Amino acid sequence: RGSARGITMEALLGQHQGLHGERVKRTLFEQNQNLSKGMESQGESRKSHLVSPVESQTSKGFSSRRPSSTTSTATKETSASAASQARMLASEAKSIEVAVLRLYDSSTTVDEIDETIFGNHDEVCTFENPLVKLCGVCEIRSLFQLMKKIFWSFNIIRPVKVGLWLGGKDGEGAKLLLDFKVEYQVLPLTPKVVIHQFTHLTISLEGRVVEHKDDWSVGSLIENIPFVGTFLYPLKQRCLGLISSSLGGVIQPRASFIYKLLLQEG
């Protein structure tokens, strides 16, 4: 009996130890699983912390790039519209140049004068030359119609020099300068008078002439006077030139002296 009891006690102890070992193993296994799950969750949170700034930076980058692309697109559209407007004004200035030059030719008919004035000049256009100043297309039209009645003939002496400037003040699209000479004859047997003329035209953004100004060269007017233009006027120019240069030498004698030394060395 004592041996049997000892065997049963040992068996019970063995079973108890086995159960205790299994419990310990299960506890350790569960702890390992919990640790692994905690490490995985920490790793995911770290990844999320690492990824979110990058994503925010990329989103910020894309948001910052969008305005720049829209700005560049708007700039391109503005430059393209400005270029097209400049081309339009240049073509309008060319047609206005051809039309305005017809006003200074006596072969132009009355209907062509009206077509040129009303077709190219603005309704409130101003006209000015050394003798008169006008306002409105009706007054300008009457002046050129009167020129056709007063003079026997007048025509442009070619070539015509043309200058074009795009841009300017607000509402001014272009400036057109015409440099030419006009030959006038009052009566069939009278001498012809040649005047060097500069016509300044201000063209609006709509392609209409808003200012028409004629300037005459004083020298060309004097040259048409007999004896005065051929002899006295050139003599007067030479005398005034000598007087002005002599006065300059008196005012700045050192500069004149150095200039003479340079001429001698040369």
Protein backbone atom coordinates (compact mmCIF):
# COMPACT_ATOMS: atom_id res chain seq x y z
CA ARG A 1 0.00 0.00 0.00
CA GLY A 2 2.80 2.34 0.86
CA SER A 3 4.38 1.76 -2.51
CA ALA A 4 1.05 2.23 -4.27
CA ARG A 5 0.41 5.47 -2.46
CA GLY A 6 3.93 6.66 -3.39
CA ILE A 7 3.23 5.92 -7.03
CA THR A 8 -0.06 7.74 -7.01
CA MET A 9 1.47 10.75 -5.28
CA GLU A 10 4.25 10.88 -7.84
CA ALA A 11 1.73 10.60 -10.63
CA LEU A 12 -0.35 13.40 -9.24
CA LEU A 13 2.71 15.56 -8.79
CA GLY A 14 3.75 14.80 -12.36
CA GLN A 15 0.31 15.70 -13.68
CA HIS A 16 0.29 18.88 -11.60
CA GLN A 17 3.72 19.87 -12.88
CA GLY A 18 2.64 19.08 -16.44
CA LEU A 19 -0.44 21.22 -16.13
CA HIS A 20 1.58 24.00 -14.54
CA GLY A 21 4.13 23.79 -17.38
CA GLU A 22 1.44 23.94 -20.01
CA ARG A 23 -0.09 26.98 -18.31
CA VAL A 24 3.30 28.67 -18.18
CA LYS A 25 3.90 27.88 -21.83
CA ARG A 26 0.47 29.25 -22.78
CA THR A 27 1.09 32.38 -20.73
CA LEU A 28 4.48 32.94 -22.36
CA PHE A 29 3.01 32.28 -25.81
CA GLU A 30 0.21 34.79 -25.21
CA GLN A 31 2.70 37.35 -23.89
CA ASN A 32 4.86 36.86 -26.99
CA GLN A 33 1.83 37.33 -29.21
CA ASN A 34 0.83 40.49 -27.35
CA LEU A 35 4.37 41.83 -27.61
CA SER A 36 4.51 41.11 -31.33
CA LYS A 37 1.13 42.77 -31.85
CA GLY A 38 2.28 45.81 -29.83
CA MET A 39 5.47 46.06 -31.88
CA GLU A 40 3.52 45.81 -35.13
CA SER A 41 1.10 48.53 -34.00
CA GLN A 42 4.04 50.74 -32.97
CA GLY A 43 5.70 50.16 -36.33
CA GLU A 44 2.51 51.07 -38.18
CA SER A 45 2.13 54.22 -36.10
CA ARG A 46 5.73 55.16 -36.85
CA LYS A 47 5.15 54.56 -40.55
CA SER A 48 2.05 56.70 -40.42
CA HIS A 49 4.02 59.46 -38.66
CA LEU A 50 6.77 59.20 -41.25
CA VAL A 51 4.44 59.06 -44.23
CA SER A 52 2.07 61.85 -43.22
CA PRO A 53 4.69 64.66 -43.35
CA VAL A 54 5.82 63.47 -46.76
CA GLU A 55 2.27 63.36 -47.99
CA SER A 56 1.60 66.82 -46.54
CA GLN A 57 4.77 68.14 -48.18
CA THR A 58 3.80 66.66 -51.53
CA SER A 59 0.29 68.04 -51.21
CA LYS A 60 1.74 71.43 -50.31
CA GLY A 61 4.10 71.17 -53.26
CA PHE A 62 1.27 70.42 -55.64
CA SER A 63 -0.84 73.23 -54.16
CA SER A 64 2.08 75.65 -54.45
CA ARG A 65 2.74 74.61 -58.03
CA ARG A 66 -0.83 75.12 -59.17
CA PRO A 67 -0.82 78.93 -58.80
CA SER A 68 2.50 79.16 -60.62
CA SER A 69 1.11 77.21 -63.57
CA THR A 70 -2.00 79.36 -63.66
CA THR A 71 0.13 82.50 -63.40
CA SER A 72 2.36 81.40 -66.26
CA THR A 73 -0.71 80.58 -68.34
CA ALA A 74 -2.19 84.00 -67.65
CA THR A 75 1.13 85.66 -68.54
CA LYS A 76 1.29 83.75 -71.81
CA GLU A 77 -2.28 84.71 -72.65
CA THR A 78 -1.55 88.38 -71.87
CA SER A 79 1.59 88.42 -74.02
CA ALA A 80 -0.24 86.67 -76.86
CA SER A 81 -3.10 89.19 -76.73
CA ALA A 82 -0.61 92.08 -76.64
CA ALA A 83 1.23 90.65 -79.65
CA SER A 84 -2.00 90.20 -81.61
CA GLN A 85 -3.07 93.74 -80.70
CA ALA A 86 0.32 95.08 -81.83
CA ARG A 87 -0.02 93.27 -85.16
CA MET A 88 -3.53 94.66 -85.58
CA LEU A 89 -2.35 98.21 -84.85
CA ALA A 90 0.57 97.85 -87.26
CA SER A 91 -1.74 96.77 -90.07
CA GLU A 92 -4.18 99.57 -89.23
CA ALA A 93 -1.32 102.09 -89.24
CA LYS A 94 -0.26 100.92 -92.70
CA SER A 95 -3.75 101.40 -94.13
CA ILE A 96 -4.05 104.80 -92.40
CA GLU A 97 -0.70 105.85 -93.86
CA VAL A 98 -1.83 105.10 -97.41
CA ALA A 99 -5.19 106.85 -96.87
CA VAL A 100 -3.78 110.02 -95.25
CA LEU A 101 -1.17 110.51 -97.99
CA ARG A 102 -4.02 110.75 -100.51
CA LEU A 103 -5.19 113.94 -98.78
CA TYR A 104 -2.07 115.73 -100.03
CA ASP A 105 -2.65 114.88 -103.68
CA SER A 106 -4.85 117.13 -105.82
CA SER A 107 -5.85 114.16 -108.00
CA THR A 108 -7.87 112.75 -105.09
CA THR A 109 -11.59 113.23 -105.71
CA VAL A 110 -14.08 114.84 -103.34
CA ASP A 111 -15.66 111.48 -102.54
CA GLU A 112 -12.26 109.95 -101.77
CA ILE A 113 -11.49 112.82 -99.37
CA ASP A 114 -14.75 112.17 -97.51
CA GLU A 115 -14.06 108.44 -97.47
CA THR A 116 -10.57 108.99 -96.06
CA ILE A 117 -11.62 111.46 -93.35
CA PHE A 118 -14.78 109.71 -92.16
CA GLY A 119 -13.31 106.23 -92.56
CA ASN A 120 -10.08 106.72 -90.60
CA HIS A 121 -10.45 109.74 -88.30
CA ASP A 122 -12.27 109.67 -85.00
CA GLU A 123 -15.40 111.78 -84.63
CA VAL A 124 -13.69 114.16 -82.16
CA CYS A 125 -10.31 114.10 -83.90
CA THR A 126 -8.22 117.29 -83.68
CA PHE A 127 -6.21 118.79 -86.54
CA GLU A 128 -3.43 121.36 -86.26
CA ASN A 129 -0.87 123.03 -88.51
CA PRO A 130 1.11 126.31 -88.16
CA LEU A 131 -1.90 128.28 -89.44
CA VAL A 132 -5.10 126.64 -88.16
CA LYS A 133 -6.46 124.39 -85.42
CA LEU A 134 -9.62 122.32 -85.94
CA CYS A 135 -11.75 119.88 -83.94
CA GLY A 136 -14.05 117.23 -85.39
CA VAL A 137 -14.15 115.31 -88.65
CA CYS A 138 -16.51 117.80 -90.31
CA GLU A 139 -14.09 120.68 -89.85
CA ILE A 140 -11.12 118.59 -91.03
CA ARG A 141 -13.07 117.44 -94.08
CA SER A 142 -13.96 121.06 -94.96
CA LEU A 143 -10.29 122.11 -94.75
CA PHE A 144 -9.06 119.49 -97.22
CA GLN A 145 -11.99 120.22 -99.52
CA LEU A 146 -10.96 123.89 -99.42
CA MET A 147 -7.35 123.00 -100.25
CA LYS A 148 -8.56 121.28 -103.38
CA LYS A 149 -10.36 124.47 -104.44
CA ILE A 150 -7.57 126.96 -103.58
CA PHE A 151 -4.56 125.30 -105.21
CA TRP A 152 -4.24 124.47 -108.85
CA SER A 153 -2.26 121.39 -108.03
CA PHE A 154 -0.37 119.81 -105.14
CA ASN A 155 1.29 116.44 -104.90
CA ILE A 156 3.77 114.52 -102.76
CA ILE A 157 7.41 114.28 -103.80
CA ARG A 158 8.55 110.75 -103.15
CA PRO A 159 10.02 109.03 -101.17
CA VAL A 160 8.05 109.17 -97.94
CA LYS A 161 9.80 108.30 -94.68
CA VAL A 162 7.62 106.50 -92.16
CA GLY A 163 8.10 106.00 -88.42
CA LEU A 164 5.81 103.89 -86.22
CA TRP A 165 5.81 103.66 -82.43
CA LEU A 166 3.47 101.21 -80.70
CA GLY A 167 2.16 102.00 -77.23
CA GLY A 168 2.05 105.32 -75.42
CA LYS A 169 -0.34 107.04 -73.06
CA ASP A 170 -3.65 105.56 -71.92
CA GLY A 171 -5.95 105.16 -74.89
CA GLU A 172 -3.18 105.73 -77.44
CA GLY A 173 -2.38 102.66 -79.48
CA ALA A 174 0.35 103.97 -81.79
CA LYS A 175 2.19 107.04 -83.08
CA LEU A 176 2.71 107.39 -86.83
CA LEU A 177 5.14 109.92 -88.33
CA LEU A 178 5.18 110.74 -92.06
CA ASP A 179 8.17 112.70 -93.39
CA PHE A 180 7.72 113.97 -96.97
CA LYS A 181 7.72 117.01 -99.24
CA VAL A 182 4.66 118.53 -100.90
CA GLU A 183 4.82 120.60 -104.09
CA TYR A 184 2.11 123.30 -104.32
CA GLN A 185 1.09 125.44 -107.29
CA VAL A 186 -1.54 128.15 -106.86
CA LEU A 187 -2.10 129.00 -110.55
CA PRO A 188 -1.03 127.28 -113.77
CA LEU A 189 1.76 129.78 -114.59
CA THR A 190 2.94 130.54 -111.04
CA PRO A 191 6.13 128.99 -109.64
CA LYS A 192 5.80 125.83 -107.60
CA VAL A 193 6.43 125.93 -103.86
CA VAL A 194 7.97 122.92 -102.11
CA ILE A 195 7.32 122.49 -98.38
CA HIS A 196 9.00 119.89 -96.20
CA GLN A 197 6.22 118.51 -94.03
CA PHE A 198 6.05 116.25 -90.97
CA THR A 199 2.64 114.69 -90.31
CA HIS A 200 2.08 113.30 -86.80
CA LEU A 201 -0.81 110.87 -86.36
CA THR A 202 -1.98 109.48 -83.02
CA ILE A 203 -3.91 106.22 -83.44
CA SER A 204 -6.21 104.91 -80.71
CA LEU A 205 -6.50 101.28 -79.62
CA GLU A 206 -9.59 101.01 -81.84
CA GLY A 207 -7.50 101.93 -84.90
CA ARG A 208 -8.86 105.49 -85.33
CA VAL A 209 -6.89 108.73 -85.79
CA VAL A 210 -7.49 110.94 -82.75
CA GLU A 211 -4.80 113.58 -83.48
CA HIS A 212 -3.63 114.85 -86.86
CA LYS A 213 -0.86 117.44 -86.79
CA ASP A 214 1.15 118.91 -89.68
CA ASP A 215 4.48 120.63 -89.03
CA TRP A 216 6.28 122.57 -91.74
CA SER A 217 10.00 123.11 -91.98
CA VAL A 218 10.83 126.83 -91.66
CA GLY A 219 13.86 126.38 -93.85
CA SER A 220 11.80 124.87 -96.65
CA LEU A 221 9.36 127.79 -96.47
CA ILE A 222 12.12 130.39 -96.71
CA GLU A 223 13.87 128.55 -99.53
CA ASN A 224 10.80 129.09 -101.72
CA ILE A 225 11.21 132.91 -101.56
CA PRO A 226 13.17 134.20 -104.60
CA PHE A 227 16.63 135.64 -103.87
CA VAL A 228 16.00 135.32 -100.13
CA GLY A 229 15.94 131.55 -100.17
CA THR A 230 18.71 131.12 -102.72
CA PHE A 231 21.19 133.80 -101.48
CA LEU A 232 20.25 135.70 -98.32
CA TYR A 233 19.03 132.75 -96.25
CA PRO A 234 22.19 130.61 -96.77
CA LEU A 235 24.34 133.70 -96.14
CA LYS A 236 22.42 134.43 -92.94
CA GLN A 237 22.86 130.83 -91.79
CA ARG A 238 26.62 130.99 -92.37
CA CYS A 239 27.00 134.34 -90.57
CA LEU A 240 25.00 133.15 -87.57
CA GLY A 241 27.07 129.96 -87.47
CA LEU A 242 30.33 131.94 -87.36
CA ILE A 243 29.00 134.28 -84.68
CA SER A 244 27.76 131.43 -82.45
CA SER A 245 31.04 129.51 -82.77
CA SER A 246 33.06 132.67 -81.95
CA LEU A 247 30.94 133.29 -78.87
CA GLY A 248 31.47 129.69 -77.82
CA GLY A 249 35.24 130.14 -78.10
CA VAL A 250 35.09 133.27 -75.92
CA ILE A 251 32.96 131.55 -73.26
CA GLN A 252 35.14 128.41 -73.20
CA PRO A 253 38.63 129.57 -74.33
CA ARG A 254 40.46 126.61 -72.78
CA ALA A 255 38.36 124.11 -74.68
CA SER A 256 38.93 126.05 -77.91
CA PHE A 257 42.69 126.18 -77.22
CA ILE A 258 42.88 122.42 -76.58
CA TYR A 259 40.92 121.76 -79.74
CA LYS A 260 43.39 123.85 -81.76
CA LEU A 261 46.31 121.93 -80.24
CA LEU A 262 44.67 118.64 -81.17
CA LEU A 263 44.19 119.85 -84.73
CA GLN A 264 47.86 120.87 -84.94
CA GLU A 265 49.02 117.49 -83.62
CA GLY A 266 46.75 115.70 -86.04
